Amino acid sequence: MPTLTIKCDKPVVGVPLDEYQDLLDTLEILSDPTLKRDVEKARKEFRERQTVSWEKFKKEFLSEA
């Protein structure tokens, strides 16, 4: 594993670029009240098994495209 030495007065954290982008995406969602509410609603529906089959989804939503 490569080692990087940095002389700095402040703590530094190294994170792979893809993980950093994921963190930024998460922050964007959590900072938008509408998106956050939609995600929370979807998670609740999933936990309560309020889902639709793929076939029903395709009929209802993909036919509109």
Protein backbone atom coordinates (compact mmCIF):
# COMPACT_ATOMS: atom_id res chain seq x y z
CA MET A 1 0.00 0.00 0.00
CA PRO A 2 1.44 3.41 -0.95
CA THR A 3 2.34 5.78 1.84
CA LEU A 4 1.97 9.54 1.62
CA THR A 5 3.64 11.82 4.13
CA ILE A 6 2.28 15.33 4.52
CA LYS A 7 3.63 17.94 6.89
CA CYS A 8 0.59 19.81 8.07
CA ASP A 9 -0.64 21.44 11.26
CA LYS A 10 -4.16 20.08 10.80
CA PRO A 11 -5.41 16.47 10.69
CA VAL A 12 -5.84 15.08 7.17
CA VAL A 13 -8.09 12.28 5.96
CA GLY A 14 -7.42 10.35 2.76
CA VAL A 15 -10.50 8.89 1.07
CA PRO A 16 -10.75 7.14 -2.30
CA LEU A 17 -12.34 9.41 -4.92
CA ASP A 18 -15.42 7.23 -5.42
CA GLU A 19 -16.15 7.21 -1.67
CA TYR A 20 -15.66 10.99 -1.54
CA GLN A 21 -18.18 11.42 -4.38
CA ASP A 22 -20.63 9.16 -2.54
CA LEU A 23 -20.28 11.35 0.55
CA LEU A 24 -20.96 14.49 -1.50
CA ASP A 25 -24.04 12.87 -3.06
CA THR A 26 -25.32 11.88 0.39
CA LEU A 27 -24.81 15.40 1.70
CA GLU A 28 -26.71 16.81 -1.26
CA ILE A 29 -29.67 14.52 -0.61
CA LEU A 30 -29.70 15.14 3.14
CA SER A 31 -29.50 18.92 2.67
CA ASP A 32 -32.57 18.95 0.40
CA PRO A 33 -35.71 18.54 2.57
CA THR A 34 -37.82 17.23 -0.33
CA LEU A 35 -35.26 14.62 -1.41
CA LYS A 36 -34.67 13.59 2.20
CA ARG A 37 -38.40 13.14 2.79
CA ASP A 38 -38.76 11.12 -0.43
CA VAL A 39 -35.90 8.81 0.56
CA GLU A 40 -37.32 8.32 4.06
CA LYS A 41 -40.77 7.56 2.60
CA ALA A 42 -39.32 5.02 0.15
CA ARG A 43 -37.33 3.29 2.90
CA LYS A 44 -40.46 3.09 5.08
CA GLU A 45 -42.50 1.66 2.21
CA PHE A 46 -39.79 -0.92 1.54
CA ARG A 47 -39.62 -1.94 5.21
CA GLU A 48 -43.40 -2.34 5.25
CA ARG A 49 -43.26 -4.27 1.97
CA GLN A 50 -45.35 -1.67 0.17
CA THR A 51 -43.74 -2.44 -3.15
CA VAL A 52 -44.94 -3.25 -6.66
CA SER A 53 -43.76 -5.97 -9.00
CA TRP A 54 -41.41 -5.11 -11.84
CA GLU A 55 -44.12 -6.05 -14.33
CA LYS A 56 -46.64 -3.65 -12.74
CA PHE A 57 -44.02 -0.90 -12.58
CA LYS A 58 -43.22 -1.30 -16.27
CA LYS A 59 -46.90 -1.14 -17.20
CA GLU A 60 -47.63 1.94 -15.10
CA PHE A 61 -44.47 4.01 -15.44
CA LEU A 62 -42.54 2.96 -18.52
CA SER A 63 -45.52 3.11 -20.84
CA GLU A 64 -45.75 6.87 -20.13
CA ALA A 65 -42.29 7.51 -21.57
